[in-house]
C-alpha cells in the first residue's frame, strides 16, 4: 500500500522489449536505499516488483496487462518518473490509501498557471467519473491530489510549488498521458451497496 506522497523524481535508464512484456531499469537513489529482490516500488503510480538492484538503480518487469492499462508503455530512456516505496506499518498516512493498481489513463488537457500555484485539467474515462467528486482524492501518476472540479469527462487539480518541482506534473504538457487511480473506498462502497440491493428483506 502507498500514500501518494512521491519520494523522488527518478529516471528510466534502460528499456528492454521482451515481446509480451518490457523490463525497465530505473534510477532512484532514495527508493533503492535498502531495496532488495521482491520489494515493491510505485512507478508513476504503478506498483512494480524489484527484480534486481545495483547501486542507485533497480530493474522491474512490466507485463502486457500493465502496459495496456497504464501509460508506462510510453516511457523511454530519459523519461522522468515518480517513485514511492510502500508505506511502513505505523507510519503517517500523508496522502490517502493508494494501491498502485491503475484504473485507467487520462490526458493533460490544460494548464493554468497563477502566481503561487497551477490548475491542471485532466481528461477522465467515462467508467471512472462516478468515483470522482469535488474535494475527494484521486491519484495522478502516483501523486495523491485533491479534486478541485469534477466535470462530466474531466477533473481539475491545484498544484502547489512543491508538487510542481518534485513530480512529473511539473513538466507534463497538454496531450501527455497520466495514470489514474480513483479512491478505492468509493469502489468498495459501490460494490457493497450493489450487493445489499439484491438481498431480500
N, C-alpha and C. Protein backbone atom coordinates (compact mmCIF):
# COMPACT_ATOMS: atom_id res chain seq x y z
N UNK A 1 0.84 -1.19 0.00
CA UNK A 1 0.00 0.00 0.00
C UNK A 1 0.88 1.24 0.00
N UNK A 2 0.44 2.27 -0.72
CA UNK A 2 1.19 3.51 -0.83
C UNK A 2 0.32 4.66 -0.33
N UNK A 3 0.90 5.84 -0.29
CA UNK A 3 0.15 7.01 0.21
C UNK A 3 -0.02 8.09 -0.85
N UNK A 4 0.69 7.97 -1.97
CA UNK A 4 0.61 9.00 -3.00
C UNK A 4 1.50 10.20 -2.71
N UNK A 5 2.41 10.04 -1.74
CA UNK A 5 3.39 11.09 -1.46
C UNK A 5 4.70 10.68 -2.13
N UNK A 6 5.00 11.30 -3.26
CA UNK A 6 6.16 10.92 -4.07
C UNK A 6 7.45 11.19 -3.29
N UNK A 7 8.34 10.18 -3.29
CA UNK A 7 9.59 10.34 -2.56
C UNK A 7 10.69 10.97 -3.39
N UNK A 8 10.69 10.67 -4.68
CA UNK A 8 11.70 11.29 -5.53
C UNK A 8 11.29 11.18 -7.00
N UNK A 9 11.91 12.03 -7.79
CA UNK A 9 11.73 12.02 -9.24
C UNK A 9 12.87 11.20 -9.82
N UNK A 10 12.54 9.98 -10.29
CA UNK A 10 13.54 9.09 -10.83
C UNK A 10 13.65 9.21 -12.34
N UNK A 11 14.42 8.31 -12.94
CA UNK A 11 14.65 8.36 -14.38
C UNK A 11 14.77 6.95 -14.96
N UNK A 12 14.19 6.75 -16.14
CA UNK A 12 14.34 5.49 -16.86
C UNK A 12 15.72 5.50 -17.51
N UNK A 13 16.54 4.47 -17.20
CA UNK A 13 17.89 4.42 -17.78
C UNK A 13 18.01 3.35 -18.86
N UNK A 14 17.06 2.41 -18.92
CA UNK A 14 17.10 1.40 -19.98
C UNK A 14 15.72 0.77 -20.11
N UNK A 15 15.36 0.39 -21.34
CA UNK A 15 14.10 -0.30 -21.60
C UNK A 15 14.40 -1.48 -22.51
N UNK A 16 14.04 -2.67 -22.07
CA UNK A 16 14.25 -3.89 -22.85
C UNK A 16 12.91 -4.46 -23.26
N UNK A 17 12.70 -4.61 -24.57
CA UNK A 17 11.46 -5.19 -25.09
C UNK A 17 11.53 -6.71 -25.00
N UNK A 18 10.60 -7.30 -24.24
CA UNK A 18 10.58 -8.75 -24.05
C UNK A 18 9.45 -9.42 -24.84
N UNK A 19 8.91 -8.73 -25.82
CA UNK A 19 7.82 -9.28 -26.61
C UNK A 19 6.47 -8.96 -25.99
N UNK A 20 6.04 -9.78 -25.04
CA UNK A 20 4.76 -9.52 -24.39
C UNK A 20 4.96 -8.81 -23.05
N UNK A 21 6.12 -8.24 -22.86
CA UNK A 21 6.44 -7.51 -21.63
C UNK A 21 7.63 -6.59 -21.91
N UNK A 22 7.94 -5.77 -20.92
CA UNK A 22 9.13 -4.91 -21.00
C UNK A 22 9.87 -4.97 -19.67
N UNK A 23 11.17 -4.78 -19.72
CA UNK A 23 11.96 -4.69 -18.50
C UNK A 23 12.55 -3.28 -18.43
N UNK A 24 12.25 -2.58 -17.35
CA UNK A 24 12.74 -1.23 -17.15
C UNK A 24 13.88 -1.24 -16.15
N UNK A 25 14.88 -0.40 -16.43
CA UNK A 25 15.88 -0.10 -15.41
C UNK A 25 15.68 1.36 -15.03
N UNK A 26 15.60 1.61 -13.74
CA UNK A 26 15.28 2.94 -13.26
C UNK A 26 16.30 3.39 -12.22
N UNK A 27 16.59 4.69 -12.24
CA UNK A 27 17.50 5.27 -11.25
C UNK A 27 16.68 6.01 -10.21
N UNK A 28 16.97 5.71 -8.93
CA UNK A 28 16.29 6.37 -7.83
C UNK A 28 17.06 6.14 -6.54
N UNK A 29 17.99 7.01 -6.20
CA UNK A 29 18.84 6.80 -5.01
C UNK A 29 18.06 6.64 -3.71
N UNK A 30 16.94 7.34 -3.58
CA UNK A 30 16.17 7.26 -2.33
C UNK A 30 15.46 5.93 -2.20
N UNK A 31 14.72 5.54 -3.23
CA UNK A 31 13.90 4.32 -3.13
C UNK A 31 14.73 3.04 -3.20
N UNK A 32 15.95 3.13 -3.73
CA UNK A 32 16.80 1.94 -3.79
C UNK A 32 17.60 1.72 -2.51
N UNK A 33 17.58 2.68 -1.61
CA UNK A 33 18.30 2.54 -0.36
C UNK A 33 17.68 1.40 0.45
N UNK A 34 18.39 0.31 0.56
CA UNK A 34 17.88 -0.84 1.30
C UNK A 34 16.96 -1.74 0.50
N UNK A 35 16.79 -1.45 -0.79
CA UNK A 35 15.89 -2.26 -1.62
C UNK A 35 16.48 -3.65 -1.84
N UNK A 36 15.57 -4.62 -2.02
CA UNK A 36 16.01 -5.98 -2.30
C UNK A 36 15.02 -6.64 -3.26
N UNK A 37 15.44 -7.77 -3.80
CA UNK A 37 14.61 -8.52 -4.75
C UNK A 37 13.24 -8.81 -4.14
N UNK A 38 12.19 -8.52 -4.91
CA UNK A 38 10.83 -8.79 -4.45
C UNK A 38 10.14 -7.62 -3.80
N UNK A 39 10.87 -6.54 -3.50
CA UNK A 39 10.24 -5.36 -2.92
C UNK A 39 9.34 -4.68 -3.94
N UNK A 40 8.40 -3.91 -3.44
CA UNK A 40 7.51 -3.14 -4.31
C UNK A 40 7.93 -1.68 -4.34
N UNK A 41 7.86 -1.08 -5.52
CA UNK A 41 8.09 0.36 -5.69
C UNK A 41 7.05 0.87 -6.68
N UNK A 42 6.38 1.95 -6.35
CA UNK A 42 5.40 2.55 -7.26
C UNK A 42 6.12 3.44 -8.26
N UNK A 43 5.86 3.20 -9.55
CA UNK A 43 6.46 3.98 -10.63
C UNK A 43 5.32 4.67 -11.37
N UNK A 44 5.24 5.99 -11.25
CA UNK A 44 4.11 6.74 -11.79
C UNK A 44 2.78 6.14 -11.37
N UNK A 45 2.75 5.67 -10.12
CA UNK A 45 1.50 5.15 -9.57
C UNK A 45 1.26 3.69 -9.81
N UNK A 46 2.16 3.00 -10.52
CA UNK A 46 2.00 1.57 -10.80
C UNK A 46 2.92 0.78 -9.87
N UNK A 47 2.34 -0.14 -9.12
CA UNK A 47 3.13 -0.96 -8.21
C UNK A 47 3.93 -1.99 -9.01
N UNK A 48 5.26 -1.88 -8.97
CA UNK A 48 6.13 -2.80 -9.68
C UNK A 48 7.02 -3.54 -8.67
N UNK A 49 7.48 -4.72 -9.06
CA UNK A 49 8.31 -5.55 -8.19
C UNK A 49 9.77 -5.44 -8.61
N UNK A 50 10.62 -5.22 -7.64
CA UNK A 50 12.07 -5.13 -7.90
C UNK A 50 12.59 -6.51 -8.30
N UNK A 51 13.17 -6.59 -9.51
CA UNK A 51 13.78 -7.83 -9.99
C UNK A 51 15.25 -7.88 -9.58
N UNK A 52 15.90 -6.75 -9.75
CA UNK A 52 17.33 -6.66 -9.44
C UNK A 52 17.62 -5.26 -8.94
N UNK A 53 18.70 -5.13 -8.19
CA UNK A 53 19.06 -3.83 -7.62
C UNK A 53 20.58 -3.73 -7.54
N UNK A 54 21.08 -2.65 -8.08
CA UNK A 54 22.53 -2.42 -8.03
C UNK A 54 22.79 -0.92 -7.94
N UNK A 55 23.49 -0.52 -6.90
CA UNK A 55 23.76 0.90 -6.71
C UNK A 55 22.47 1.67 -6.52
N UNK A 56 22.31 2.73 -7.28
CA UNK A 56 21.09 3.54 -7.16
C UNK A 56 20.08 3.22 -8.25
N UNK A 57 20.19 2.02 -8.86
CA UNK A 57 19.27 1.61 -9.92
C UNK A 57 18.62 0.28 -9.58
N UNK A 58 17.41 0.08 -10.12
CA UNK A 58 16.73 -1.19 -9.97
C UNK A 58 16.02 -1.53 -11.28
N UNK A 59 15.75 -2.82 -11.48
CA UNK A 59 15.01 -3.26 -12.66
C UNK A 59 13.67 -3.81 -12.23
N UNK A 60 12.69 -3.69 -13.14
CA UNK A 60 11.34 -4.20 -12.88
C UNK A 60 10.74 -4.66 -14.19
N UNK A 61 10.04 -5.78 -14.15
CA UNK A 61 9.35 -6.29 -15.33
C UNK A 61 7.93 -5.75 -15.36
N UNK A 62 7.50 -5.35 -16.56
CA UNK A 62 6.15 -4.80 -16.74
C UNK A 62 5.42 -5.68 -17.75
N UNK A 63 4.37 -6.36 -17.28
CA UNK A 63 3.62 -7.28 -18.12
C UNK A 63 2.72 -6.53 -19.11
N UNK A 64 2.24 -7.26 -20.12
CA UNK A 64 1.40 -6.66 -21.15
C UNK A 64 0.15 -6.02 -20.56
N UNK A 65 -0.46 -6.65 -19.56
CA UNK A 65 -1.65 -6.11 -18.91
C UNK A 65 -1.39 -4.72 -18.36
N UNK A 66 -0.24 -4.57 -17.72
CA UNK A 66 0.12 -3.27 -17.15
C UNK A 66 0.43 -2.25 -18.24
N UNK A 67 1.11 -2.68 -19.28
CA UNK A 67 1.43 -1.77 -20.39
C UNK A 67 0.15 -1.30 -21.08
N UNK A 68 -0.85 -2.20 -21.17
CA UNK A 68 -2.11 -1.86 -21.84
C UNK A 68 -2.98 -0.92 -21.00
N UNK A 69 -2.92 -1.06 -19.68
CA UNK A 69 -3.84 -0.32 -18.82
C UNK A 69 -3.22 0.94 -18.22
N UNK A 70 -1.95 1.16 -18.48
CA UNK A 70 -1.28 2.33 -17.90
C UNK A 70 -0.51 3.08 -18.99
N UNK A 71 0.13 4.16 -18.59
CA UNK A 71 0.94 4.95 -19.52
C UNK A 71 2.40 4.53 -19.53
N UNK A 72 2.74 3.44 -18.84
CA UNK A 72 4.14 3.04 -18.76
C UNK A 72 4.70 2.66 -20.13
N UNK A 73 3.85 2.20 -21.03
CA UNK A 73 4.31 1.82 -22.36
C UNK A 73 4.87 2.99 -23.16
N UNK A 74 4.53 4.22 -22.74
CA UNK A 74 5.00 5.41 -23.45
C UNK A 74 6.35 5.89 -22.92
N UNK A 75 6.85 5.25 -21.87
CA UNK A 75 8.13 5.68 -21.30
C UNK A 75 9.31 5.23 -22.15
N UNK A 76 10.35 6.03 -22.13
CA UNK A 76 11.57 5.72 -22.89
C UNK A 76 12.77 6.12 -22.04
N UNK A 77 13.96 5.77 -22.50
CA UNK A 77 15.18 6.16 -21.78
C UNK A 77 15.20 7.68 -21.62
N UNK A 78 15.42 8.12 -20.41
CA UNK A 78 15.44 9.55 -20.12
C UNK A 78 14.15 10.07 -19.54
N UNK A 79 13.07 9.29 -19.63
CA UNK A 79 11.79 9.72 -19.06
C UNK A 79 11.91 9.85 -17.55
N UNK A 80 11.33 10.92 -17.01
CA UNK A 80 11.29 11.09 -15.56
C UNK A 80 10.04 10.42 -15.01
N UNK A 81 10.16 9.83 -13.83
CA UNK A 81 9.05 9.09 -13.23
C UNK A 81 8.97 9.39 -11.73
N UNK A 82 7.74 9.34 -11.21
CA UNK A 82 7.52 9.49 -9.78
C UNK A 82 7.75 8.15 -9.09
N UNK A 83 8.52 8.16 -8.01
CA UNK A 83 8.84 6.93 -7.30
C UNK A 83 8.41 7.03 -5.83
N UNK A 84 7.86 5.91 -5.34
CA UNK A 84 7.47 5.85 -3.93
C UNK A 84 7.58 4.41 -3.43
N UNK A 85 8.14 4.25 -2.25
CA UNK A 85 8.16 2.94 -1.61
C UNK A 85 6.86 2.73 -0.83
N UNK A 86 6.50 1.48 -0.54
CA UNK A 86 5.28 1.22 0.23
C UNK A 86 5.35 1.89 1.60
N UNK A 87 4.17 2.19 2.14
CA UNK A 87 4.10 2.80 3.46
C UNK A 87 4.48 1.78 4.53
N UNK A 88 5.31 2.19 5.45
CA UNK A 88 5.68 1.31 6.56
C UNK A 88 4.56 1.25 7.58
N UNK A 89 4.38 0.09 8.21
CA UNK A 89 3.36 -0.06 9.24
C UNK A 89 3.64 0.92 10.37
N UNK A 90 2.62 1.67 10.76
CA UNK A 90 2.77 2.65 11.83
C UNK A 90 3.19 4.03 11.35
N UNK A 91 3.46 4.16 10.04
CA UNK A 91 3.86 5.46 9.51
C UNK A 91 2.63 6.35 9.31
N UNK A 92 2.86 7.64 9.18
CA UNK A 92 1.77 8.58 8.94
C UNK A 92 1.23 8.40 7.52
N UNK A 93 -0.08 8.48 7.38
CA UNK A 93 -0.72 8.40 6.07
C UNK A 93 -0.87 9.82 5.54
N UNK A 94 0.18 10.32 4.88
CA UNK A 94 0.22 11.72 4.46
C UNK A 94 -0.73 12.05 3.33
N UNK A 95 -0.98 11.08 2.43
CA UNK A 95 -1.88 11.35 1.31
C UNK A 95 -3.21 10.65 1.53
N UNK A 96 -3.46 9.57 0.78
CA UNK A 96 -4.62 8.72 1.02
C UNK A 96 -4.25 7.29 0.64
N UNK A 97 -5.14 6.34 0.85
CA UNK A 97 -4.82 4.95 0.56
C UNK A 97 -4.69 4.75 -0.94
N UNK A 98 -3.50 4.36 -1.38
CA UNK A 98 -3.21 4.14 -2.80
C UNK A 98 -2.70 2.71 -2.96
N UNK A 99 -3.31 1.96 -3.86
CA UNK A 99 -2.93 0.56 -4.04
C UNK A 99 -1.82 0.36 -5.06
N UNK A 100 -1.67 1.31 -5.98
CA UNK A 100 -0.71 1.10 -7.06
C UNK A 100 -1.32 0.28 -8.18
N UNK A 101 -2.65 0.19 -8.19
CA UNK A 101 -3.38 -0.52 -9.24
C UNK A 101 -4.11 0.51 -10.10
N UNK A 102 -3.55 0.81 -11.25
CA UNK A 102 -4.09 1.87 -12.10
C UNK A 102 -5.46 1.48 -12.66
N UNK A 103 -6.42 2.40 -12.56
CA UNK A 103 -7.77 2.16 -13.07
C UNK A 103 -7.92 2.56 -14.52
N UNK A 104 -7.06 3.43 -15.00
CA UNK A 104 -7.14 3.89 -16.38
C UNK A 104 -6.17 5.03 -16.59
N UNK A 105 -6.19 5.58 -17.77
CA UNK A 105 -5.31 6.70 -18.07
C UNK A 105 -6.12 7.92 -18.49
N UNK A 106 -5.58 9.07 -18.20
CA UNK A 106 -6.18 10.32 -18.65
C UNK A 106 -5.14 11.08 -19.47
N UNK A 107 -5.49 12.28 -19.85
CA UNK A 107 -4.59 13.11 -20.65
C UNK A 107 -4.63 14.53 -20.11
N UNK A 108 -3.46 15.13 -20.01
CA UNK A 108 -3.41 16.53 -19.61
C UNK A 108 -4.10 17.35 -20.70
N UNK A 109 -5.15 18.08 -20.31
CA UNK A 109 -5.91 18.89 -21.26
C UNK A 109 -5.49 20.35 -21.26
N UNK A 110 -5.14 20.85 -20.09
CA UNK A 110 -4.89 22.29 -19.97
C UNK A 110 -4.13 22.60 -18.70
N UNK A 111 -3.29 23.62 -18.76
CA UNK A 111 -2.57 24.10 -17.58
C UNK A 111 -2.84 25.60 -17.44
N UNK A 112 -3.22 26.02 -16.24
CA UNK A 112 -3.47 27.43 -15.98
C UNK A 112 -2.59 27.87 -14.82
N UNK A 113 -1.45 28.50 -15.14
CA UNK A 113 -0.56 28.95 -14.05
C UNK A 113 -1.06 30.23 -13.40
N UNK A 114 -0.78 30.35 -12.12
CA UNK A 114 -1.03 31.60 -11.40
C UNK A 114 0.24 31.93 -10.62
N UNK A 115 0.17 32.89 -9.74
CA UNK A 115 1.39 33.35 -9.08
C UNK A 115 2.01 32.28 -8.19
N UNK A 116 1.18 31.55 -7.44
CA UNK A 116 1.72 30.61 -6.46
C UNK A 116 1.27 29.16 -6.66
N UNK A 117 0.45 28.88 -7.62
CA UNK A 117 0.01 27.50 -7.87
C UNK A 117 -0.39 27.38 -9.33
N UNK A 118 -0.80 26.17 -9.72
CA UNK A 118 -1.20 25.94 -11.10
C UNK A 118 -2.39 24.98 -11.13
N UNK A 119 -3.39 25.31 -11.92
CA UNK A 119 -4.54 24.44 -12.09
C UNK A 119 -4.31 23.58 -13.32
N UNK A 120 -4.43 22.26 -13.16
CA UNK A 120 -4.23 21.32 -14.26
C UNK A 120 -5.55 20.57 -14.50
N UNK A 121 -5.96 20.55 -15.76
CA UNK A 121 -7.19 19.87 -16.16
C UNK A 121 -6.82 18.56 -16.83
N UNK A 122 -7.46 17.47 -16.39
CA UNK A 122 -7.14 16.13 -16.87
C UNK A 122 -8.40 15.44 -17.37
N UNK A 123 -8.30 14.76 -18.52
CA UNK A 123 -9.45 14.02 -19.03
C UNK A 123 -9.72 12.81 -18.15
N UNK A 124 -10.98 12.38 -18.12
CA UNK A 124 -11.40 11.30 -17.23
C UNK A 124 -12.21 10.28 -18.02
N UNK A 125 -11.77 9.01 -18.06
CA UNK A 125 -12.55 7.98 -18.76
C UNK A 125 -13.96 7.89 -18.20
N UNK A 126 -14.93 7.61 -19.07
CA UNK A 126 -16.34 7.59 -18.68
C UNK A 126 -16.62 6.62 -17.54
N UNK A 127 -15.94 5.48 -17.51
CA UNK A 127 -16.24 4.49 -16.48
C UNK A 127 -15.67 4.85 -15.10
N UNK A 128 -14.94 5.96 -15.01
CA UNK A 128 -14.37 6.38 -13.73
C UNK A 128 -15.04 7.62 -13.15
N UNK A 129 -15.88 8.28 -13.93
CA UNK A 129 -16.45 9.56 -13.48
C UNK A 129 -17.24 9.43 -12.19
N UNK A 130 -17.93 8.30 -11.99
CA UNK A 130 -18.77 8.16 -10.80
C UNK A 130 -17.96 8.07 -9.51
N UNK A 131 -16.67 7.83 -9.61
CA UNK A 131 -15.82 7.72 -8.42
C UNK A 131 -15.13 9.02 -8.06
N UNK A 132 -15.29 10.04 -8.88
CA UNK A 132 -14.56 11.29 -8.68
C UNK A 132 -15.51 12.39 -8.24
N UNK A 133 -15.23 12.98 -7.08
CA UNK A 133 -16.08 14.04 -6.54
C UNK A 133 -15.23 15.22 -6.12
N UNK A 134 -15.83 16.40 -6.14
CA UNK A 134 -15.11 17.59 -5.70
C UNK A 134 -14.64 17.43 -4.25
N UNK A 135 -13.40 17.81 -4.00
CA UNK A 135 -12.73 17.72 -2.70
C UNK A 135 -12.42 16.29 -2.30
N UNK A 136 -12.67 15.34 -3.22
CA UNK A 136 -12.29 13.96 -2.98
C UNK A 136 -10.84 13.74 -3.40
N UNK A 137 -10.35 12.53 -3.17
CA UNK A 137 -8.96 12.20 -3.52
C UNK A 137 -8.87 11.43 -4.83
N UNK A 138 -7.81 11.68 -5.57
CA UNK A 138 -7.51 10.92 -6.77
C UNK A 138 -5.98 10.84 -6.90
N UNK A 139 -5.51 9.77 -7.50
CA UNK A 139 -4.08 9.60 -7.70
C UNK A 139 -3.75 9.82 -9.18
N UNK A 140 -2.86 10.75 -9.45
CA UNK A 140 -2.43 11.07 -10.82
C UNK A 140 -0.93 10.81 -10.93
N UNK A 141 -0.56 9.82 -11.74
CA UNK A 141 0.85 9.43 -11.85
C UNK A 141 1.47 9.15 -10.49
N UNK A 142 0.66 8.55 -9.60
CA UNK A 142 1.16 8.19 -8.28
C UNK A 142 1.13 9.29 -7.25
N UNK A 143 0.57 10.46 -7.60
CA UNK A 143 0.53 11.61 -6.69
C UNK A 143 -0.87 11.73 -6.09
N UNK A 144 -0.96 11.73 -4.78
CA UNK A 144 -2.23 11.94 -4.11
C UNK A 144 -2.64 13.40 -4.23
N UNK A 145 -3.79 13.64 -4.87
CA UNK A 145 -4.24 15.01 -5.11
C UNK A 145 -5.71 15.16 -4.73
N UNK A 146 -6.09 16.40 -4.46
CA UNK A 146 -7.48 16.71 -4.14
C UNK A 146 -8.17 17.27 -5.38
N UNK A 147 -9.33 16.74 -5.70
CA UNK A 147 -10.09 17.19 -6.87
C UNK A 147 -10.67 18.58 -6.59
N UNK A 148 -10.41 19.52 -7.48
CA UNK A 148 -10.97 20.86 -7.36
C UNK A 148 -12.34 20.90 -8.03
N UNK A 149 -12.39 20.45 -9.26
CA UNK A 149 -13.65 20.42 -10.01
C UNK A 149 -13.81 19.05 -10.65
N UNK A 150 -15.01 18.48 -10.54
CA UNK A 150 -15.29 17.18 -11.14
C UNK A 150 -16.30 17.38 -12.26
N UNK A 151 -15.83 17.36 -13.51
CA UNK A 151 -16.69 17.56 -14.66
C UNK A 151 -17.21 16.24 -15.20
N UNK A 152 -18.00 16.29 -16.27
CA UNK A 152 -18.57 15.07 -16.84
C UNK A 152 -17.54 14.15 -17.48
N UNK A 153 -16.44 14.71 -17.97
CA UNK A 153 -15.41 13.89 -18.60
C UNK A 153 -14.01 14.42 -18.29
N UNK A 154 -13.89 15.15 -17.19
CA UNK A 154 -12.60 15.71 -16.79
C UNK A 154 -12.63 16.04 -15.30
N UNK A 155 -11.47 16.36 -14.76
CA UNK A 155 -11.38 16.90 -13.41
C UNK A 155 -10.20 17.85 -13.38
N UNK A 156 -10.16 18.69 -12.37
CA UNK A 156 -9.04 19.61 -12.22
C UNK A 156 -8.41 19.43 -10.84
N UNK A 157 -7.11 19.71 -10.77
CA UNK A 157 -6.38 19.68 -9.50
C UNK A 157 -5.54 20.94 -9.42
N UNK A 158 -5.27 21.37 -8.21
CA UNK A 158 -4.45 22.55 -7.98
C UNK A 158 -3.10 22.09 -7.44
N UNK A 159 -2.03 22.50 -8.10
CA UNK A 159 -0.70 22.04 -7.74
C UNK A 159 0.11 23.14 -7.07
N UNK A 160 0.65 22.82 -5.90
CA UNK A 160 1.48 23.77 -5.18
C UNK A 160 2.91 23.72 -5.74
N UNK A 161 3.74 24.71 -5.44
CA UNK A 161 5.11 24.73 -5.99
C UNK A 161 5.90 23.46 -5.71
N UNK A 162 5.72 22.85 -4.53
CA UNK A 162 6.46 21.63 -4.20
C UNK A 162 6.11 20.50 -5.16
N UNK A 163 4.83 20.34 -5.44
CA UNK A 163 4.40 19.29 -6.37
C UNK A 163 4.93 19.56 -7.77
N UNK A 164 4.91 20.82 -8.18
CA UNK A 164 5.42 21.18 -9.50
C UNK A 164 6.92 20.92 -9.62
N UNK A 165 7.64 21.14 -8.53
CA UNK A 165 9.10 21.00 -8.58
C UNK A 165 9.57 19.56 -8.43
N UNK A 166 8.82 18.74 -7.70
CA UNK A 166 9.32 17.42 -7.31
C UNK A 166 8.61 16.24 -7.96
N UNK A 167 7.68 16.49 -8.89
CA UNK A 167 6.97 15.39 -9.55
C UNK A 167 6.90 15.62 -11.06
N UNK A 168 6.43 14.59 -11.76
CA UNK A 168 6.31 14.68 -13.22
C UNK A 168 5.29 15.73 -13.66
N UNK A 169 4.34 16.06 -12.79
CA UNK A 169 3.32 17.03 -13.19
C UNK A 169 3.88 18.43 -13.34
N UNK A 170 5.10 18.63 -12.91
CA UNK A 170 5.73 19.93 -13.08
C UNK A 170 6.11 20.22 -14.52
N UNK A 171 6.27 19.15 -15.34
CA UNK A 171 6.71 19.38 -16.72
C UNK A 171 5.83 18.72 -17.77
N UNK A 172 4.81 17.96 -17.36
CA UNK A 172 3.94 17.36 -18.37
C UNK A 172 3.09 18.44 -19.03
N UNK A 173 2.85 18.25 -20.33
CA UNK A 173 2.15 19.25 -21.13
C UNK A 173 0.85 18.68 -21.70
N UNK A 174 -0.05 19.56 -22.17
CA UNK A 174 -1.28 19.08 -22.79
C UNK A 174 -1.00 18.02 -23.86
N UNK A 175 -1.74 16.92 -23.78
CA UNK A 175 -1.54 15.80 -24.69
C UNK A 175 -0.78 14.66 -24.06
N UNK A 176 -0.06 14.92 -22.96
CA UNK A 176 0.70 13.88 -22.28
C UNK A 176 -0.24 12.98 -21.47
N UNK A 177 0.00 11.66 -21.48
CA UNK A 177 -0.84 10.73 -20.71
C UNK A 177 -0.43 10.67 -19.25
N UNK A 178 -1.39 10.36 -18.38
CA UNK A 178 -1.12 10.18 -16.96
C UNK A 178 -1.92 8.97 -16.46
N UNK A 179 -1.37 8.30 -15.46
CA UNK A 179 -2.06 7.17 -14.84
C UNK A 179 -3.03 7.68 -13.78
N UNK A 180 -4.20 7.05 -13.72
CA UNK A 180 -5.22 7.45 -12.76
C UNK A 180 -5.62 6.27 -11.88
N UNK A 181 -5.70 6.52 -10.60
CA UNK A 181 -6.27 5.55 -9.66
C UNK A 181 -7.27 6.28 -8.79
N UNK A 182 -8.53 5.86 -8.86
CA UNK A 182 -9.56 6.51 -8.05
C UNK A 182 -9.50 5.99 -6.63
N UNK A 183 -10.22 6.64 -5.75
CA UNK A 183 -10.23 6.26 -4.34
C UNK A 183 -10.85 4.87 -4.19
N UNK A 184 -10.09 3.93 -3.67
CA UNK A 184 -10.56 2.55 -3.55
C UNK A 184 -11.77 2.45 -2.63
N UNK A 185 -11.90 3.35 -1.67
CA UNK A 185 -13.04 3.31 -0.76
C UNK A 185 -14.34 3.48 -1.55
N UNK A 186 -14.34 4.37 -2.55
CA UNK A 186 -15.53 4.60 -3.37
C UNK A 186 -15.94 3.33 -4.11
N UNK A 187 -14.97 2.56 -4.58
CA UNK A 187 -15.27 1.33 -5.32
C UNK A 187 -15.86 0.27 -4.40
N UNK A 188 -15.34 0.17 -3.18
CA UNK A 188 -15.88 -0.80 -2.23
C UNK A 188 -17.30 -0.43 -1.81
N UNK A 189 -17.54 0.87 -1.58
CA UNK A 189 -18.88 1.32 -1.22
C UNK A 189 -19.88 0.99 -2.32
N UNK A 190 -19.49 1.24 -3.57
CA UNK A 190 -20.37 0.93 -4.70
C UNK A 190 -20.70 -0.56 -4.73
N UNK A 191 -19.68 -1.40 -4.54
CA UNK A 191 -19.89 -2.84 -4.58
C UNK A 191 -20.80 -3.31 -3.45
N UNK A 192 -20.59 -2.78 -2.26
CA UNK A 192 -21.41 -3.16 -1.12
C UNK A 192 -22.85 -2.72 -1.27
N UNK A 193 -23.05 -1.51 -1.77
CA UNK A 193 -24.41 -1.02 -1.98
C UNK A 193 -25.12 -1.83 -3.04
N UNK A 194 -24.38 -2.20 -4.09
CA UNK A 194 -24.97 -3.02 -5.14
C UNK A 194 -25.37 -4.39 -4.62
N UNK A 195 -24.56 -4.96 -3.75
CA UNK A 195 -24.87 -6.26 -3.18
C UNK A 195 -26.06 -6.21 -2.26
N UNK A 196 -26.15 -5.13 -1.47
CA UNK A 196 -27.24 -5.02 -0.49
C UNK A 196 -28.58 -4.86 -1.17
N UNK A 197 -28.60 -4.27 -2.35
CA UNK A 197 -29.85 -4.08 -3.06
C UNK A 197 -30.45 -5.40 -3.54
N UNK A 198 -29.59 -6.41 -3.64
CA UNK A 198 -30.09 -7.72 -4.10
C UNK A 198 -30.45 -8.64 -2.96
N UNK A 199 -30.33 -8.17 -1.72
CA UNK A 199 -30.64 -9.01 -0.55
C UNK A 199 -32.10 -8.85 -0.17
N UNK A 200 -32.80 -9.98 0.00
CA UNK A 200 -34.21 -9.93 0.40
C UNK A 200 -34.34 -9.44 1.83
N UNK A 201 -35.33 -8.63 2.08
CA UNK A 201 -35.53 -8.08 3.43
C UNK A 201 -36.87 -8.57 4.00
